[in-house]
Amino acid sequence: MSPASLDEISITDPLTIGIIGGGQLGKMIALAAKRMALKVCVLDPSNCCPCSSVSDELIVADFKDAAAIRKLARKSDVVTYEIEQANTSALIDLESENAKLVNPPPRTLQIIQDKYKQKLFLKKFGLRVPSFSLIESPQQFLQICKKYGFPAILKARYDSYDGRGNYTIKSERDILSAYSHFGLDKKPMFEKYVNFSKEISIMVARNLNGQITSFPVAENLHQDHILHMSIVPARISDKVALRAKKMAEKTLNALKGAGIFGIEMFVTDADDVVINEIAPRPHNSGHYSIEACSVSQFEQHIRAILNLPLTEPRLLSPAVIMLNLLGPESFEGPYAIRGLRKALSTPGLSLHIYGKKVSKPRRKLGHFTIIGSSIKDVLAKADNAKRALKIEHDKS
């Protein structure tokens, strides 16, 4: 039975979900699939990626390897991805040959992979984004900065994630160093700095029938452009939350296709909402949904790509914190996470360790979620748990 008309799951011959990318997002997609007795085949460059422990089959190859993607497709009933670096040309070829259902659609991925095209697309559909421009030279960049003022943001158009493609320019003195940081080959773009009061995100899912559902709005706190903590519900007015939800759902109606998307936004001092970026996959800021919602972002993604009905996510606790565990700056190599006994004695805490073999500075190694009666309550518990958990070099 094809995913377009799925009404049963065969236990003797289950459907196979093909996932491009075997990181923590792939692992959590796979775990959601396993709950439904689905098979999982994963493509990843590492034979010991987090997803390797929970997949039925692992294809070790680069995300852009067209032959490997075809091999994955042959073994799968539907193909999805947990990383934007997938080879869109290969996926478009598969789709055009009617060989395989790929969701979210490759052409949607193609738009989102290029942050400049992504902004053009959003602007075309009347969705509010910061002012932006392509950068051709340091001199041109200087003129744009003089027009819009400082601070300013320089972004890589392609292959950037976890803030690694962002550079904040605080004054004219930073322009040359910022530009040399990227170089012409990165094709950077300028984005006007938004004076925001909050950074928020919302996970929104759409199935092939066009049904759309939204998760509660998360308030996100970043450090060095990397997500540090998500607070749910976001500390914003109902009016702003509704505005964000409508904007996110309008975005999915424009993009079409099926899957879950993370829509990152800024809330300005005037309570306007501006879209920052889109992720066409599960998102770090949606991890709280595993413990704190009636359906997780990962199950909702499976439902969406198989064209099953989407359930309306409900928050099961008055307050939730999700906090990332990042690799320390002090070393790179094998590691141990210590302090579990004290951290796990925290009421309402759930710990996720991804199983990555090596720690690197600022690398996401895990996260924990805490549910509680109030934001003040969960913030205090999160602070205590964070102090208890230590990521240390394992020299054994």
Protein backbone atom coordinates (compact mmCIF):
# COMPACT_ATOMS: atom_id res chain seq x y z
CA MET A 1 0.00 0.00 0.00
CA SER A 2 1.47 3.36 -1.00
CA PRO A 3 1.94 6.16 1.55
CA ALA A 4 -0.54 8.25 -0.47
CA SER A 5 -3.32 5.80 0.45
CA LEU A 6 -1.96 4.27 3.66
CA ASP A 7 -4.61 2.71 5.88
CA GLU A 8 -2.75 -0.25 7.35
CA ILE A 9 0.69 -1.31 8.53
CA SER A 10 1.76 -4.80 7.53
CA ILE A 11 3.68 -6.57 10.27
CA THR A 12 5.09 -9.18 7.87
CA ASP A 13 6.05 -6.66 5.18
CA PRO A 14 6.28 -3.23 6.85
CA LEU A 15 6.83 0.03 5.05
CA THR A 16 10.37 1.39 5.11
CA ILE A 17 11.19 5.01 5.88
CA GLY A 18 14.42 6.13 4.19
CA ILE A 19 16.20 8.92 6.09
CA ILE A 20 19.02 11.02 4.67
CA GLY A 21 21.10 11.87 7.73
CA GLY A 22 21.72 9.76 10.80
CA GLY A 23 22.25 12.40 13.48
CA GLN A 24 20.11 12.91 16.56
CA LEU A 25 17.13 14.10 14.50
CA GLY A 26 17.32 10.97 12.34
CA LYS A 27 17.58 8.85 15.48
CA MET A 28 14.45 10.40 16.97
CA ILE A 29 12.54 10.07 13.66
CA ALA A 30 13.60 6.41 13.59
CA LEU A 31 12.43 5.83 17.17
CA ALA A 32 9.01 7.30 16.29
CA ALA A 33 8.86 5.04 13.22
CA LYS A 34 9.78 2.00 15.31
CA ARG A 35 6.86 2.65 17.65
CA MET A 36 4.63 2.10 14.59
CA ALA A 37 6.49 -1.11 13.54
CA LEU A 38 7.96 0.60 10.47
CA LYS A 39 11.40 -0.24 9.12
CA VAL A 40 14.12 2.40 8.84
CA CYS A 41 16.99 2.69 6.37
CA VAL A 42 19.48 5.51 6.92
CA LEU A 43 22.13 7.19 4.78
CA ASP A 44 24.98 8.84 6.68
CA PRO A 45 28.75 9.34 6.21
CA SER A 46 29.51 7.71 9.59
CA ASN A 47 29.01 4.04 10.42
CA CYS A 48 28.66 4.98 14.11
CA CYS A 49 26.21 7.89 13.74
CA PRO A 50 23.50 8.21 16.44
CA CYS A 51 20.92 6.59 14.14
CA SER A 52 23.06 3.47 13.58
CA SER A 53 21.87 1.95 16.86
CA VAL A 54 18.16 2.09 15.94
CA SER A 55 18.05 1.65 12.13
CA ASP A 56 17.38 -1.60 10.27
CA GLU A 57 19.98 -0.75 7.65
CA LEU A 58 22.70 1.89 7.32
CA ILE A 59 24.18 3.07 4.03
CA VAL A 60 27.53 4.74 4.68
CA ALA A 61 27.96 7.51 2.12
CA ASP A 62 27.98 11.27 1.76
CA PHE A 63 24.65 13.10 1.87
CA LYS A 64 25.26 14.32 -1.70
CA ASP A 65 26.17 10.89 -3.16
CA ALA A 66 23.57 10.43 -5.92
CA ALA A 67 24.21 6.68 -6.27
CA ALA A 68 23.80 6.18 -2.52
CA ILE A 69 20.56 8.20 -2.53
CA ARG A 70 19.22 5.95 -5.31
CA LYS A 71 20.22 2.91 -3.28
CA LEU A 72 18.37 4.33 -0.26
CA ALA A 73 15.31 5.01 -2.44
CA ARG A 74 15.25 1.44 -3.77
CA LYS A 75 15.08 0.15 -0.21
CA SER A 76 12.44 2.66 0.95
CA ASP A 77 8.75 3.36 0.41
CA VAL A 78 9.13 7.04 1.28
CA VAL A 79 12.30 9.13 1.59
CA THR A 80 12.77 12.01 4.02
CA TYR A 81 15.76 13.86 5.47
CA GLU A 82 16.99 15.32 8.74
CA ILE A 83 19.62 17.59 7.23
CA GLU A 84 19.49 20.30 4.56
CA GLN A 85 22.72 19.16 2.89
CA ALA A 86 20.96 16.42 0.90
CA ASN A 87 21.51 16.28 -2.89
CA THR A 88 18.39 17.99 -4.23
CA SER A 89 19.24 17.25 -7.90
CA ALA A 90 19.27 13.51 -7.18
CA LEU A 91 16.01 13.77 -5.23
CA ILE A 92 14.34 15.81 -7.99
CA ASP A 93 15.39 13.15 -10.53
CA LEU A 94 13.83 10.43 -8.37
CA GLU A 95 10.62 12.39 -8.06
CA SER A 96 10.42 13.26 -11.78
CA GLU A 97 10.83 9.60 -12.69
CA ASN A 98 7.88 8.81 -10.38
CA ALA A 99 10.31 6.42 -8.74
CA LYS A 100 9.83 7.48 -5.17
CA LEU A 101 7.85 9.74 -2.87
CA VAL A 102 10.17 12.28 -1.25
CA ASN A 103 8.86 14.50 1.55
CA PRO A 104 9.27 17.34 2.19
CA PRO A 105 9.53 17.79 -1.60
CA PRO A 106 13.01 18.29 -3.13
CA ARG A 107 12.03 21.61 -4.70
CA THR A 108 11.00 22.87 -1.27
CA LEU A 109 14.39 21.76 0.06
CA GLN A 110 16.06 23.52 -2.87
CA ILE A 111 14.41 26.82 -1.89
CA ILE A 112 15.33 26.45 1.79
CA GLN A 113 18.94 25.32 1.16
CA ASP A 114 19.72 28.76 -0.29
CA LYS A 115 18.98 31.35 2.39
CA TYR A 116 18.76 34.11 -0.22
CA LYS A 117 16.16 32.19 -2.28
CA GLN A 118 14.36 31.35 0.94
CA LYS A 119 14.00 35.05 1.79
CA LEU A 120 12.89 35.89 -1.78
CA PHE A 121 10.25 33.14 -1.58
CA LEU A 122 8.88 34.35 1.75
CA LYS A 123 8.79 37.96 0.55
CA LYS A 124 6.94 36.91 -2.62
CA PHE A 125 4.13 35.42 -0.51
CA GLY A 126 3.82 38.51 1.66
CA LEU A 127 5.56 37.04 4.69
CA ARG A 128 7.57 39.54 6.67
CA VAL A 129 11.37 39.05 6.71
CA PRO A 130 14.32 41.33 7.60
CA SER A 131 15.77 43.47 4.81
CA PHE A 132 18.39 41.46 2.91
CA SER A 133 20.75 41.69 -0.05
CA LEU A 134 23.39 39.71 -1.91
CA ILE A 135 26.98 40.77 -1.25
CA GLU A 136 29.42 41.07 -4.14
CA SER A 137 32.38 42.88 -2.52
CA PRO A 138 33.53 44.42 0.79
CA GLN A 139 32.98 47.88 -0.71
CA GLN A 140 29.38 47.09 -1.60
CA PHE A 141 28.86 45.55 1.83
CA LEU A 142 30.16 48.74 3.46
CA GLN A 143 27.65 50.82 1.50
CA ILE A 144 24.78 48.53 2.56
CA CYS A 145 25.87 48.72 6.20
CA LYS A 146 26.01 52.50 6.00
CA LYS A 147 22.47 52.44 4.62
CA TYR A 148 21.00 50.17 7.30
CA GLY A 149 23.39 50.77 10.19
CA PHE A 150 25.13 48.53 12.70
CA PRO A 151 24.98 45.89 13.98
CA ALA A 152 24.52 43.89 10.76
CA ILE A 153 24.42 40.18 9.99
CA LEU A 154 26.48 38.44 7.32
CA LYS A 155 25.20 34.96 6.44
CA ALA A 156 26.45 32.11 4.29
CA ARG A 157 23.80 31.24 1.73
CA TYR A 158 24.52 27.51 1.74
CA ASP A 159 25.54 24.65 4.05
CA SER A 160 25.34 26.54 7.33
CA TYR A 161 23.67 25.36 10.51
CA ASP A 162 23.85 25.87 14.29
CA GLY A 163 24.87 29.48 13.73
CA ARG A 164 28.13 28.51 12.02
CA GLY A 165 27.15 30.45 8.91
CA ASN A 166 26.35 33.68 10.77
CA TYR A 167 28.68 36.58 11.54
CA THR A 168 27.61 39.65 13.49
CA ILE A 169 29.25 42.92 12.38
CA LYS A 170 29.21 45.46 15.19
CA SER A 171 31.07 48.30 13.43
CA GLU A 172 32.80 49.30 10.20
CA ARG A 173 36.05 47.84 11.57
CA ASP A 174 34.54 44.31 11.46
CA ILE A 175 33.65 44.33 7.76
CA LEU A 176 36.91 43.10 6.24
CA SER A 177 37.39 40.35 8.83
CA ALA A 178 33.77 39.25 8.41
CA TYR A 179 34.06 39.17 4.65
CA SER A 180 37.37 37.26 4.72
CA HIS A 181 35.74 34.79 7.13
CA PHE A 182 33.32 33.80 4.35
CA GLY A 183 35.13 34.60 1.10
CA LEU A 184 33.57 34.78 -2.34
CA ASP A 185 33.08 31.01 -2.56
CA LYS A 186 30.56 31.14 0.32
CA LYS A 187 28.43 33.75 -1.51
CA PRO A 188 27.43 35.58 1.66
CA MET A 189 24.32 37.69 2.03
CA PHE A 190 23.55 40.71 4.17
CA GLU A 191 20.63 40.72 6.56
CA LYS A 192 19.48 43.71 8.54
CA TYR A 193 19.77 43.21 12.27
CA VAL A 194 16.37 42.97 13.95
CA ASN A 195 16.02 44.63 17.34
CA PHE A 196 14.00 41.81 18.85
CA SER A 197 12.53 41.34 22.28
CA LYS A 198 12.21 37.56 21.85
CA GLU A 199 13.37 34.81 19.52
CA ILE A 200 10.61 32.25 19.03
CA SER A 201 9.90 29.23 16.88
CA ILE A 202 6.93 27.10 16.02
CA MET A 203 6.82 23.57 14.65
CA VAL A 204 4.17 23.20 11.94
CA ALA A 205 3.23 20.00 10.10
CA ARG A 206 1.38 19.48 6.81
CA ASN A 207 0.28 16.18 5.24
CA LEU A 208 -0.32 15.47 1.55
CA ASN A 209 -4.03 16.23 1.92
CA GLY A 210 -3.17 19.77 3.03
CA GLN A 211 -4.08 19.33 6.71
CA ILE A 212 -1.92 21.66 8.84
CA THR A 213 -1.34 21.58 12.59
CA SER A 214 0.86 23.73 14.83
CA PHE A 215 2.69 23.06 18.08
CA PRO A 216 2.83 25.57 20.94
CA VAL A 217 5.20 28.50 20.39
CA ALA A 218 8.66 28.07 21.94
CA GLU A 219 10.79 30.93 23.24
CA ASN A 220 14.44 30.35 22.33
CA LEU A 221 17.59 31.58 24.04
CA HIS A 222 20.79 31.40 21.98
CA GLN A 223 24.48 31.58 22.83
CA ASP A 224 26.91 32.35 19.97
CA HIS A 225 24.06 31.75 17.48
CA ILE A 226 23.47 28.19 18.84
CA LEU A 227 20.26 27.28 20.60
CA HIS A 228 20.89 27.00 24.34
CA MET A 229 17.40 26.71 25.81
CA SER A 230 13.76 26.60 24.76
CA ILE A 231 10.94 27.72 27.08
CA VAL A 232 7.36 26.61 26.43
CA PRO A 233 4.94 28.26 26.35
CA ALA A 234 6.81 31.29 25.07
CA ARG A 235 6.54 34.34 27.33
CA ILE A 236 4.59 36.36 24.77
CA SER A 237 1.02 37.63 24.56
CA ASP A 238 -1.77 35.50 23.11
CA LYS A 239 -2.01 38.07 20.31
CA VAL A 240 1.64 37.57 19.30
CA ALA A 241 1.35 33.77 19.62
CA LEU A 242 -1.67 33.77 17.29
CA ARG A 243 0.16 36.04 14.83
CA ALA A 244 3.14 33.65 14.80
CA LYS A 245 0.90 30.65 14.28
CA LYS A 246 -0.93 32.26 11.35
CA MET A 247 2.35 33.29 9.75
CA ALA A 248 3.83 29.79 10.15
CA GLU A 249 0.75 28.12 8.67
CA LYS A 250 0.72 30.59 5.77
CA THR A 251 4.35 29.63 5.12
CA LEU A 252 3.46 25.94 4.87
CA ASN A 253 0.54 26.64 2.57
CA ALA A 254 3.00 28.43 0.27
CA LEU A 255 5.66 25.69 0.43
CA LYS A 256 3.21 22.77 -0.06
CA GLY A 257 4.47 19.22 0.38
CA ALA A 258 4.39 17.14 3.53
CA GLY A 259 6.46 16.96 6.67
CA ILE A 260 7.24 19.02 9.72
CA PHE A 261 8.92 22.42 9.52
CA GLY A 262 10.58 24.60 12.14
CA ILE A 263 9.80 28.28 11.57
CA GLU A 264 12.17 30.56 13.50
CA MET A 265 10.95 34.11 14.14
CA PHE A 266 11.79 37.36 15.87
CA VAL A 267 9.33 39.29 18.02
CA THR A 268 10.03 43.02 17.88
CA ASP A 269 9.51 45.57 20.65
CA ALA A 270 6.34 46.61 18.83
CA ASP A 271 5.05 42.98 18.96
CA ASP A 272 5.52 42.47 15.23
CA VAL A 273 6.62 39.01 14.08
CA VAL A 274 9.40 38.60 11.49
CA ILE A 275 10.51 35.26 10.01
CA ASN A 276 14.21 34.52 10.46
CA GLU A 277 14.73 31.07 8.91
CA ILE A 278 12.93 27.84 8.02
CA ALA A 279 14.06 24.27 8.70
CA PRO A 280 12.29 21.66 6.49
CA ARG A 281 12.60 18.94 9.15
CA PRO A 282 12.28 18.39 12.89
CA HIS A 283 14.03 21.14 14.81
CA ASN A 284 16.06 21.39 18.00
CA SER A 285 13.49 23.75 19.54
CA GLY A 286 10.78 21.11 19.10
CA HIS A 287 12.49 18.43 21.21
CA TYR A 288 10.36 19.37 24.22
CA SER A 289 7.37 17.81 22.43
CA ILE A 290 8.61 14.25 23.13
CA GLU A 291 7.71 14.48 26.82
CA ALA A 292 5.53 17.57 26.98
CA CYS A 293 2.99 17.21 24.14
CA SER A 294 0.21 14.85 23.19
CA VAL A 295 2.22 14.04 20.03
CA SER A 296 5.93 14.59 19.41
CA GLN A 297 7.30 16.52 16.43
CA PHE A 298 8.85 13.22 15.25
CA GLU A 299 5.62 11.22 15.25
CA GLN A 300 3.88 14.16 13.57
CA HIS A 301 6.57 14.12 10.86
CA ILE A 302 5.98 10.37 10.27
CA ARG A 303 2.23 10.96 10.09
CA ALA A 304 2.72 13.82 7.63
CA ILE A 305 5.05 12.04 5.18
CA LEU A 306 2.79 8.94 5.20
CA ASN A 307 -0.29 11.15 4.65
CA LEU A 308 -1.91 10.01 7.87
CA PRO A 309 -4.22 12.32 9.87
CA LEU A 310 -2.38 14.90 11.96
CA THR A 311 -3.43 15.24 15.57
CA GLU A 312 -3.62 18.70 17.14
CA PRO A 313 -0.66 18.94 19.56
CA ARG A 314 -1.61 19.76 23.16
CA LEU A 315 0.81 20.87 25.86
CA LEU A 316 0.53 18.41 28.77
CA SER A 317 2.30 20.55 31.36
CA PRO A 318 1.97 24.23 32.34
CA ALA A 319 5.70 24.85 31.75
CA VAL A 320 8.55 23.14 29.91
CA ILE A 321 12.29 23.74 29.51
CA MET A 322 14.54 22.08 26.91
CA LEU A 323 18.25 22.68 27.42
CA ASN A 324 21.04 21.56 25.06
CA LEU A 325 24.18 19.80 26.25
CA LEU A 326 27.04 21.15 24.12
CA GLY A 327 30.61 19.97 23.77
CA PRO A 328 33.03 22.13 25.84
CA GLU A 329 35.50 24.47 24.18
CA SER A 330 38.36 22.90 26.15
CA PHE A 331 38.84 19.67 24.21
CA GLU A 332 37.91 17.51 21.21
CA GLY A 333 37.73 13.74 21.46
CA PRO A 334 36.11 10.94 23.48
CA TYR A 335 34.03 12.12 26.39
CA ALA A 336 31.91 11.08 29.34
CA ILE A 337 28.79 12.75 30.72
CA ARG A 338 29.00 12.73 34.50
CA GLY A 339 26.64 13.78 37.27
CA LEU A 340 23.68 11.66 36.13
CA ARG A 341 22.63 10.62 39.64
CA LYS A 342 22.13 14.20 40.84
CA ALA A 343 20.61 15.43 37.56
CA LEU A 344 18.13 12.56 37.29
CA SER A 345 16.95 13.18 40.84
CA THR A 346 15.37 16.40 39.49
CA PRO A 347 11.57 15.97 39.39
CA GLY A 348 10.18 16.11 35.85
CA LEU A 349 13.57 15.73 34.10
CA SER A 350 14.07 13.51 31.04
CA LEU A 351 17.60 13.10 29.67
CA HIS A 352 18.53 12.38 26.05
CA ILE A 353 22.11 11.47 25.16
CA TYR A 354 22.58 11.16 21.40
CA GLY A 355 25.47 8.68 21.37
CA LYS A 356 27.92 10.71 19.29
CA LYS A 357 31.36 9.15 19.70
CA VAL A 358 33.39 12.37 19.81
CA SER A 359 32.85 15.71 21.50
CA LYS A 360 33.72 18.88 19.61
CA PRO A 361 33.41 22.48 20.80
CA ARG A 362 29.72 23.51 20.77
CA ARG A 363 28.64 20.17 19.28
CA LYS A 364 25.17 19.02 20.37
CA LEU A 365 25.72 15.87 22.43
CA GLY A 366 22.33 15.66 24.11
CA HIS A 367 19.57 17.59 25.80
CA PHE A 368 17.27 17.39 28.76
CA THR A 369 13.64 18.38 29.16
CA ILE A 370 12.02 19.41 32.43
CA ILE A 371 8.28 19.78 32.95
CA GLY A 372 6.80 21.59 35.93
CA SER A 373 4.13 23.84 37.34
CA SER A 374 5.59 27.21 36.31
CA ILE A 375 8.34 28.77 34.23
CA LYS A 376 10.09 29.90 37.43
CA ASP A 377 9.97 26.33 38.75
CA VAL A 378 11.43 24.69 35.62
CA LEU A 379 14.11 27.39 35.17
CA ALA A 380 15.38 26.76 38.69
CA LYS A 381 15.39 22.99 38.14
CA ALA A 382 17.15 23.39 34.78
CA ASP A 383 19.88 25.51 36.36
CA ASN A 384 20.52 22.87 39.04
CA ALA A 385 20.56 20.03 36.49
CA LYS A 386 22.90 21.93 34.17
CA ARG A 387 25.37 22.46 37.02
CA ALA A 388 25.20 18.76 37.91
CA LEU A 389 25.91 17.43 34.42
CA LYS A 390 29.56 17.62 33.36
CA ILE A 391 30.94 16.77 29.91
CA GLU A 392 34.56 15.77 30.46
CA HIS A 393 37.39 14.36 28.40
CA ASP A 394 37.36 10.56 28.76
CA LYS A 395 41.03 9.51 28.71
CA SER A 396 40.37 5.88 29.64
